[in-house]
């Protein structure tokens, strides 16, 4: 059996934006997270994490 730990993506690998960021800023941050893999395919996260002023997770 495969454990969740083996397939999960660590929080530290996600891009993070502040809850008051503009949508265009969030898109820019998200686009920067994409890269080409060893086969030339483009990979990256489809979401980012949102924090509030206290740096608590607010959403994704």
PDB file of N, CA and C in Angstrom:
ATOM      1  N   UNK A   1       0.830  -1.186   0.000  1.00  0.00           N
ATOM      2  CA  UNK A   1       0.000   0.000   0.000  1.00  0.00           C
ATOM      3  C   UNK A   1       0.872   1.247   0.000  1.00  0.00           C
ATOM      4  N   UNK A   2       0.371   2.279  -0.600  1.00  0.00           N
ATOM      5  CA  UNK A   2       1.083   3.553  -0.660  1.00  0.00           C
ATOM      6  C   UNK A   2       0.536   4.469   0.424  1.00  0.00           C
ATOM      7  N   UNK A   3       1.447   5.099   1.168  1.00  0.00           N
ATOM      8  CA  UNK A   3       1.009   6.024   2.218  1.00  0.00           C
ATOM      9  C   UNK A   3       0.825   7.431   1.638  1.00  0.00           C
ATOM     10  N   UNK A   4       0.053   8.227   2.321  1.00  0.00           N
ATOM     11  CA  UNK A   4      -0.160   9.619   1.919  1.00  0.00           C
ATOM     12  C   UNK A   4       1.171  10.357   1.842  1.00  0.00           C
ATOM     13  N   UNK A   5       2.057  10.097   2.792  1.00  0.00           N
ATOM     14  CA  UNK A   5       3.366  10.764   2.835  1.00  0.00           C
ATOM     15  C   UNK A   5       4.147  10.569   1.534  1.00  0.00           C
ATOM     16  N   UNK A   6       3.986   9.414   0.902  1.00  0.00           N
ATOM     17  CA  UNK A   6       4.715   9.108  -0.327  1.00  0.00           C
ATOM     18  C   UNK A   6       4.217   9.900  -1.535  1.00  0.00           C
ATOM     19  N   UNK A   7       2.978  10.338  -1.521  1.00  0.00           N
ATOM     20  CA  UNK A   7       2.433  11.025  -2.700  1.00  0.00           C
ATOM     21  C   UNK A   7       2.081  12.489  -2.460  1.00  0.00           C
ATOM     22  N   UNK A   8       2.136  12.939  -1.205  1.00  0.00           N
ATOM     23  CA  UNK A   8       1.753  14.320  -0.907  1.00  0.00           C
ATOM     24  C   UNK A   8       2.813  15.306  -1.395  1.00  0.00           C
ATOM     25  N   UNK A   9       2.398  16.532  -1.588  1.00  0.00           N
ATOM     26  CA  UNK A   9       3.305  17.620  -1.926  1.00  0.00           C
ATOM     27  C   UNK A   9       3.488  18.447  -0.656  1.00  0.00           C
ATOM     28  N   UNK A  10       4.725  18.606  -0.183  1.00  0.00           N
ATOM     29  CA  UNK A  10       4.949  19.379   1.037  1.00  0.00           C
ATOM     30  C   UNK A  10       4.481  20.831   0.875  1.00  0.00           C
ATOM     31  N   UNK A  11       3.939  21.389   1.935  1.00  0.00           N
ATOM     32  CA  UNK A  11       3.475  22.781   1.911  1.00  0.00           C
ATOM     33  C   UNK A  11       4.596  23.713   1.476  1.00  0.00           C
ATOM     34  N   UNK A  12       5.815  23.410   1.873  1.00  0.00           N
ATOM     35  CA  UNK A  12       6.954  24.282   1.555  1.00  0.00           C
ATOM     36  C   UNK A  12       7.203  24.415   0.056  1.00  0.00           C
ATOM     37  N   UNK A  13       6.646  23.515  -0.756  1.00  0.00           N
ATOM     38  CA  UNK A  13       6.844  23.582  -2.204  1.00  0.00           C
ATOM     39  C   UNK A  13       5.805  24.450  -2.911  1.00  0.00           C
ATOM     40  N   UNK A  14       4.772  24.862  -2.199  1.00  0.00           N
ATOM     41  CA  UNK A  14       3.732  25.693  -2.804  1.00  0.00           C
ATOM     42  C   UNK A  14       4.111  27.166  -2.772  1.00  0.00           C
ATOM     43  N   UNK A  15       3.646  27.907  -3.742  1.00  0.00           N
ATOM     44  CA  UNK A  15       3.794  29.354  -3.743  1.00  0.00           C
ATOM     45  C   UNK A  15       2.778  29.930  -2.768  1.00  0.00           C
ATOM     46  N   UNK A  16       3.131  31.050  -2.142  1.00  0.00           N
ATOM     47  CA  UNK A  16       2.274  31.666  -1.134  1.00  0.00           C
ATOM     48  C   UNK A  16       2.068  33.133  -1.470  1.00  0.00           C
ATOM     49  N   UNK A  17       0.833  33.605  -1.301  1.00  0.00           N
ATOM     50  CA  UNK A  17       0.519  35.028  -1.468  1.00  0.00           C
ATOM     51  C   UNK A  17      -0.281  35.500  -0.260  1.00  0.00           C
ATOM     52  N   UNK A  18      -0.240  36.796  -0.025  1.00  0.00           N
ATOM     53  CA  UNK A  18      -1.010  37.425   1.038  1.00  0.00           C
ATOM     54  C   UNK A  18      -2.458  37.576   0.595  1.00  0.00           C
ATOM     55  N   UNK A  19      -3.387  37.520   1.534  1.00  0.00           N
ATOM     56  CA  UNK A  19      -4.805  37.616   1.208  1.00  0.00           C
ATOM     57  C   UNK A  19      -5.190  38.929   0.529  1.00  0.00           C
ATOM     58  N   UNK A  20      -4.365  39.953   0.664  1.00  0.00           N
ATOM     59  CA  UNK A  20      -4.655  41.246   0.042  1.00  0.00           C
ATOM     60  C   UNK A  20      -3.976  41.425  -1.317  1.00  0.00           C
ATOM     61  N   UNK A  21      -3.317  40.395  -1.794  1.00  0.00           N
ATOM     62  CA  UNK A  21      -2.670  40.461  -3.110  1.00  0.00           C
ATOM     63  C   UNK A  21      -3.719  40.597  -4.200  1.00  0.00           C
ATOM     64  N   UNK A  22      -3.350  41.275  -5.260  1.00  0.00           N
ATOM     65  CA  UNK A  22      -4.226  41.366  -6.426  1.00  0.00           C
ATOM     66  C   UNK A  22      -4.191  40.040  -7.177  1.00  0.00           C
ATOM     67  N   UNK A  23      -5.263  39.756  -7.891  1.00  0.00           N
ATOM     68  CA  UNK A  23      -5.334  38.511  -8.661  1.00  0.00           C
ATOM     69  C   UNK A  23      -4.179  38.444  -9.649  1.00  0.00           C
ATOM     70  N   UNK A  24      -3.858  39.558 -10.283  1.00  0.00           N
ATOM     71  CA  UNK A  24      -2.767  39.540 -11.267  1.00  0.00           C
ATOM     72  C   UNK A  24      -1.436  39.198 -10.604  1.00  0.00           C
ATOM     73  N   UNK A  25      -1.233  39.655  -9.356  1.00  0.00           N
ATOM     74  CA  UNK A  25      -0.006  39.310  -8.633  1.00  0.00           C
ATOM     75  C   UNK A  25       0.035  37.815  -8.312  1.00  0.00           C
ATOM     76  N   UNK A  26      -1.104  37.270  -7.916  1.00  0.00           N
ATOM     77  CA  UNK A  26      -1.178  35.840  -7.607  1.00  0.00           C
ATOM     78  C   UNK A  26      -0.897  35.003  -8.849  1.00  0.00           C
ATOM     79  N   UNK A  27      -1.436  35.426  -9.991  1.00  0.00           N
ATOM     80  CA  UNK A  27      -1.194  34.708 -11.249  1.00  0.00           C
ATOM     81  C   UNK A  27       0.284  34.754 -11.607  1.00  0.00           C
ATOM     82  N   UNK A  28       0.905  35.904 -11.412  1.00  0.00           N
ATOM     83  CA  UNK A  28       2.334  36.046 -11.707  1.00  0.00           C
ATOM     84  C   UNK A  28       3.165  35.099 -10.833  1.00  0.00           C
ATOM     85  N   UNK A  29       2.837  35.034  -9.549  1.00  0.00           N
ATOM     86  CA  UNK A  29       3.541  34.134  -8.628  1.00  0.00           C
ATOM     87  C   UNK A  29       3.337  32.683  -9.052  1.00  0.00           C
ATOM     88  N   UNK A  30       2.110  32.344  -9.408  1.00  0.00           N
ATOM     89  CA  UNK A  30       1.806  30.975  -9.822  1.00  0.00           C
ATOM     90  C   UNK A  30       2.546  30.607 -11.104  1.00  0.00           C
ATOM     91  N   UNK A  31       2.582  31.520 -12.073  1.00  0.00           N
ATOM     92  CA  UNK A  31       3.294  31.252 -13.333  1.00  0.00           C
ATOM     93  C   UNK A  31       4.777  31.006 -13.099  1.00  0.00           C
ATOM     94  N   UNK A  32       5.366  31.717 -12.135  1.00  0.00           N
ATOM     95  CA  UNK A  32       6.795  31.546 -11.839  1.00  0.00           C
ATOM     96  C   UNK A  32       7.106  30.156 -11.296  1.00  0.00           C
ATOM     97  N   UNK A  33       6.096  29.469 -10.781  1.00  0.00           N
ATOM     98  CA  UNK A  33       6.330  28.150 -10.196  1.00  0.00           C
ATOM     99  C   UNK A  33       6.409  27.043 -11.247  1.00  0.00           C
ATOM    100  N   UNK A  34       6.036  27.334 -12.483  1.00  0.00           N
ATOM    101  CA  UNK A  34       6.068  26.323 -13.538  1.00  0.00           C
ATOM    102  C   UNK A  34       7.482  26.158 -14.092  1.00  0.00           C
ATOM    103  N   UNK A  35       7.810  24.940 -14.490  1.00  0.00           N
ATOM    104  CA  UNK A  35       9.131  24.647 -15.057  1.00  0.00           C
ATOM    105  C   UNK A  35       9.021  23.452 -15.994  1.00  0.00           C
ATOM    106  N   UNK A  36      10.049  23.253 -16.800  1.00  0.00           N
ATOM    107  CA  UNK A  36      10.084  22.103 -17.710  1.00  0.00           C
ATOM    108  C   UNK A  36      10.730  20.925 -17.002  1.00  0.00           C
ATOM    109  N   UNK A  37      10.097  19.761 -17.121  1.00  0.00           N
ATOM    110  CA  UNK A  37      10.667  18.560 -16.524  1.00  0.00           C
ATOM    111  C   UNK A  37      11.692  17.947 -17.470  1.00  0.00           C
ATOM    112  N   UNK A  38      12.236  16.799 -17.092  1.00  0.00           N
ATOM    113  CA  UNK A  38      13.297  16.165 -17.884  1.00  0.00           C
ATOM    114  C   UNK A  38      12.837  15.732 -19.268  1.00  0.00           C
ATOM    115  N   UNK A  39      11.528  15.617 -19.482  1.00  0.00           N
ATOM    116  CA  UNK A  39      10.995  15.239 -20.794  1.00  0.00           C
ATOM    117  C   UNK A  39      10.540  16.443 -21.612  1.00  0.00           C
ATOM    118  N   UNK A  40      10.746  17.639 -21.074  1.00  0.00           N
ATOM    119  CA  UNK A  40      10.350  18.848 -21.781  1.00  0.00           C
ATOM    120  C   UNK A  40       8.920  19.284 -21.515  1.00  0.00           C
ATOM    121  N   UNK A  41       8.204  18.529 -20.697  1.00  0.00           N
ATOM    122  CA  UNK A  41       6.831  18.902 -20.344  1.00  0.00           C
ATOM    123  C   UNK A  41       6.824  19.993 -19.283  1.00  0.00           C
ATOM    124  N   UNK A  42       5.830  20.836 -19.322  1.00  0.00           N
ATOM    125  CA  UNK A  42       5.722  21.910 -18.343  1.00  0.00           C
ATOM    126  C   UNK A  42       4.914  21.406 -17.152  1.00  0.00           C
ATOM    127  N   UNK A  43       5.490  21.547 -15.962  1.00  0.00           N
ATOM    128  CA  UNK A  43       4.838  21.086 -14.739  1.00  0.00           C
ATOM    129  C   UNK A  43       4.823  22.194 -13.691  1.00  0.00           C
ATOM    130  N   UNK A  44       3.899  22.098 -12.781  1.00  0.00           N
ATOM    131  CA  UNK A  44       3.788  23.066 -11.692  1.00  0.00           C
ATOM    132  C   UNK A  44       2.465  22.898 -10.983  1.00  0.00           C
ATOM    133  N   UNK A  45       2.294  23.635  -9.922  1.00  0.00           N
ATOM    134  CA  UNK A  45       1.057  23.567  -9.154  1.00  0.00           C
ATOM    135  C   UNK A  45      -0.039  24.378  -9.828  1.00  0.00           C
ATOM    136  N   UNK A  46      -1.279  23.938  -9.647  1.00  0.00           N
ATOM    137  CA  UNK A  46      -2.425  24.659 -10.193  1.00  0.00           C
ATOM    138  C   UNK A  46      -3.067  25.550  -9.145  1.00  0.00           C
ATOM    139  N   UNK A  47      -2.490  25.572  -7.972  1.00  0.00           N
ATOM    140  CA  UNK A  47      -3.031  26.407  -6.904  1.00  0.00           C
ATOM    141  C   UNK A  47      -1.886  26.955  -6.068  1.00  0.00           C
ATOM    142  N   UNK A  48      -2.196  27.952  -5.264  1.00  0.00           N
ATOM    143  CA  UNK A  48      -1.214  28.497  -4.344  1.00  0.00           C
ATOM    144  C   UNK A  48      -1.883  28.683  -2.996  1.00  0.00           C
ATOM    145  N   UNK A  49      -1.090  28.924  -1.977  1.00  0.00           N
ATOM    146  CA  UNK A  49      -1.624  29.081  -0.634  1.00  0.00           C
ATOM    147  C   UNK A  49      -1.771  30.558  -0.312  1.00  0.00           C
ATOM    148  N   UNK A  50      -2.806  30.877   0.441  1.00  0.00           N
ATOM    149  CA  UNK A  50      -3.094  32.263   0.808  1.00  0.00           C
ATOM    150  C   UNK A  50      -2.973  32.392   2.320  1.00  0.00           C
ATOM    151  N   UNK A  51      -2.241  33.425   2.756  1.00  0.00           N
ATOM    152  CA  UNK A  51      -2.080  33.671   4.188  1.00  0.00           C
ATOM    153  C   UNK A  51      -2.673  35.021   4.570  1.00  0.00           C
ATOM    154  N   UNK A  52      -3.011  35.163   5.852  1.00  0.00           N
ATOM    155  CA  UNK A  52      -3.493  36.449   6.343  1.00  0.00           C
ATOM    156  C   UNK A  52      -2.333  37.214   6.969  1.00  0.00           C
ATOM    157  N   UNK A  53      -2.627  38.349   7.600  1.00  0.00           N
ATOM    158  CA  UNK A  53      -1.569  39.197   8.170  1.00  0.00           C
ATOM    159  C   UNK A  53      -0.759  38.500   9.257  1.00  0.00           C
ATOM    160  N   UNK A  54      -1.372  37.529   9.921  1.00  0.00           N
ATOM    161  CA  UNK A  54      -0.683  36.796  10.980  1.00  0.00           C
ATOM    162  C   UNK A  54       0.058  35.579  10.439  1.00  0.00           C
ATOM    163  N   UNK A  55       0.130  35.472   9.119  1.00  0.00           N
ATOM    164  CA  UNK A  55       0.783  34.365   8.422  1.00  0.00           C
ATOM    165  C   UNK A  55       0.090  33.027   8.676  1.00  0.00           C
ATOM    166  N   UNK A  56      -1.190  33.068   9.004  1.00  0.00           N
ATOM    167  CA  UNK A  56      -1.989  31.850   9.124  1.00  0.00           C
ATOM    168  C   UNK A  56      -2.542  31.507   7.755  1.00  0.00           C
ATOM    169  N   UNK A  57      -2.692  30.220   7.463  1.00  0.00           N
ATOM    170  CA  UNK A  57      -3.256  29.809   6.182  1.00  0.00           C
ATOM    171  C   UNK A  57      -4.691  30.290   6.108  1.00  0.00           C
ATOM    172  N   UNK A  58      -5.035  30.892   5.000  1.00  0.00           N
ATOM    173  CA  UNK A  58      -6.368  31.443   4.816  1.00  0.00           C
ATOM    174  C   UNK A  58      -7.154  30.645   3.795  1.00  0.00           C
ATOM    175  N   UNK A  59      -6.475  30.083   2.819  1.00  0.00           N
ATOM    176  CA  UNK A  59      -7.153  29.309   1.789  1.00  0.00           C
ATOM    177  C   UNK A  59      -6.171  28.848   0.731  1.00  0.00           C
ATOM    178  N   UNK A  60      -6.702  28.246  -0.321  1.00  0.00           N
ATOM    179  CA  UNK A  60      -5.870  27.803  -1.445  1.00  0.00           C
ATOM    180  C   UNK A  60      -6.618  28.010  -2.733  1.00  0.00           C
TER     181      UNK A  60
END
